[in-house]
Every structure is written in structure tokens, then in C-alpha cells.
Amino acid sequence: MRLADGRTVTVRTAPAHRHDNGDLSVRVHSDAKSPVPAAGLFTAGASGLFGRLRVDGRLMLVHSDVSGAWLIDASRPSWSSTRSAPTR
């Protein structure tokens, strides 16, 4: 995952959980050797992908829908974000 500051975070996933509504949630964490510490929870379903990721102590919010995807740095007062075009 590319962050707004240009760094890339690589994470490992824990076993996924399937919710009664069909959504799928997975916890992620960076490897102990990773230069960028990260941990979070993502949920994917019919409406898109949503999640929270802690990177270097900062809270990053992930949001997607049919119009695109956003990675929002919620730890900054300015709420900087990175937007991606939808993939089809």
C-alpha cells in the first residue's frame, strides 16, 4: 500500500472473518523487520473496502466505493488524503 508521503507499507494478514452479511474482515500487521510499523483492520463487502490502519502511530482511514478509493491521514489536522481512480 502506498502512503501519501510516498512510502510503501507491506503487511501480513491474520485469518479472515466472514460476517453474517457476507462481508469479509481481516486484521493486518507489518513484519517485525519492516521499516514501517503498521497494524489495522479492513472490511470488504458489496459497498466497498473500509478500514483503519495505524502507521508510525498515525491513524490512516481507508474508504472506497464506486467512485474511487481514499487513504486519509486522520492524525493530521489538515486531513491529507490520497485518492485513486476505481479499477475495473
Protein backbone atom coordinates (compact mmCIF):
# COMPACT_ATOMS: atom_id res chain seq x y z
CA MET A 1 0.00 0.00 0.00
CA ARG A 2 1.42 3.38 -0.98
CA LEU A 3 1.05 6.13 1.61
CA ALA A 4 0.51 9.83 0.91
CA ASP A 5 4.14 10.50 1.89
CA GLY A 6 5.37 8.10 -0.84
CA ARG A 7 6.41 5.22 1.43
CA THR A 8 5.11 1.73 0.83
CA VAL A 9 3.74 -0.44 3.64
CA THR A 10 3.76 -4.22 3.30
CA VAL A 11 1.58 -6.14 5.76
CA ARG A 12 0.78 -9.72 6.67
CA THR A 13 -2.79 -10.87 7.20
CA ALA A 14 -4.33 -12.83 10.04
CA PRO A 15 -7.09 -15.37 9.30
CA ALA A 16 -10.12 -13.63 7.81
CA HIS A 17 -13.57 -13.47 9.41
CA ARG A 18 -16.73 -13.83 7.30
CA HIS A 19 -19.67 -11.81 8.73
CA ASP A 20 -23.30 -12.96 8.57
CA ASN A 21 -23.98 -10.37 5.84
CA GLY A 22 -21.16 -11.78 3.66
CA ASP A 23 -18.60 -9.04 4.38
CA LEU A 24 -15.05 -10.19 4.99
CA SER A 25 -12.80 -8.65 7.68
CA VAL A 26 -9.08 -9.19 8.10
CA ARG A 27 -6.52 -7.91 10.58
CA VAL A 28 -3.15 -6.86 9.17
CA HIS A 29 0.25 -6.14 10.69
CA SER A 30 3.72 -5.39 9.42
CA ASP A 31 6.53 -7.86 9.85
CA ALA A 32 8.86 -7.23 12.80
CA LYS A 33 11.65 -6.44 10.29
CA SER A 34 9.55 -3.91 8.38
CA PRO A 35 10.94 -0.36 8.31
CA VAL A 36 7.35 0.96 8.55
CA PRO A 37 5.41 -0.38 11.56
CA ALA A 38 1.72 -0.89 10.76
CA ALA A 39 -1.37 -2.67 12.12
CA GLY A 40 -5.03 -2.45 11.20
CA LEU A 41 -8.39 -3.92 10.33
CA PHE A 42 -10.03 -3.94 6.89
CA THR A 43 -13.56 -4.98 5.90
CA ALA A 44 -14.62 -5.63 2.30
CA GLY A 45 -18.18 -6.04 1.13
CA ALA A 46 -20.66 -5.11 -1.56
CA SER A 47 -20.32 -1.39 -0.71
CA GLY A 48 -16.52 -1.30 -0.96
CA LEU A 49 -13.42 -1.59 1.22
CA PHE A 50 -13.18 0.20 4.56
CA GLY A 51 -10.53 0.12 7.21
CA ARG A 52 -8.28 1.65 9.81
CA LEU A 53 -4.51 1.37 9.69
CA ARG A 54 -2.03 2.60 12.30
CA VAL A 55 1.28 3.55 10.67
CA ASP A 56 4.10 5.05 12.76
CA GLY A 57 1.48 5.88 15.41
CA ARG A 58 -0.66 7.75 12.86
CA LEU A 59 -4.25 6.72 12.08
CA MET A 60 -4.96 6.13 8.40
CA LEU A 61 -8.56 5.58 7.23
CA VAL A 62 -9.30 3.58 4.08
CA HIS A 63 -12.53 4.17 2.18
CA SER A 64 -13.66 3.02 -1.25
CA ASP A 65 -16.82 2.95 -3.30
CA VAL A 66 -17.76 3.00 -6.99
CA SER A 67 -16.26 6.48 -7.43
CA GLY A 68 -12.76 5.61 -6.18
CA ALA A 69 -10.59 4.85 -3.17
CA TRP A 70 -9.15 7.10 -0.48
CA LEU A 71 -6.38 6.74 2.08
CA ILE A 72 -6.92 9.50 4.65
CA ASP A 73 -4.38 10.53 7.27
CA ALA A 74 -6.75 11.19 10.20
CA SER A 75 -3.89 12.13 12.54
CA ARG A 76 -3.26 15.44 10.84
CA PRO A 77 -5.48 18.48 11.34
CA SER A 78 -5.48 19.07 7.58
CA TRP A 79 -6.73 15.50 6.82
CA SER A 80 -4.42 14.91 3.85
CA SER A 81 -5.59 12.14 1.56
CA THR A 82 -4.57 10.13 -1.46
CA ARG A 83 -7.30 9.29 -3.98
CA SER A 84 -7.12 6.50 -6.54
CA ALA A 85 -9.30 6.01 -9.57
CA PRO A 86 -11.56 2.97 -9.49
CA THR A 87 -10.17 -0.21 -11.04
CA ARG A 88 -12.39 -2.09 -13.44
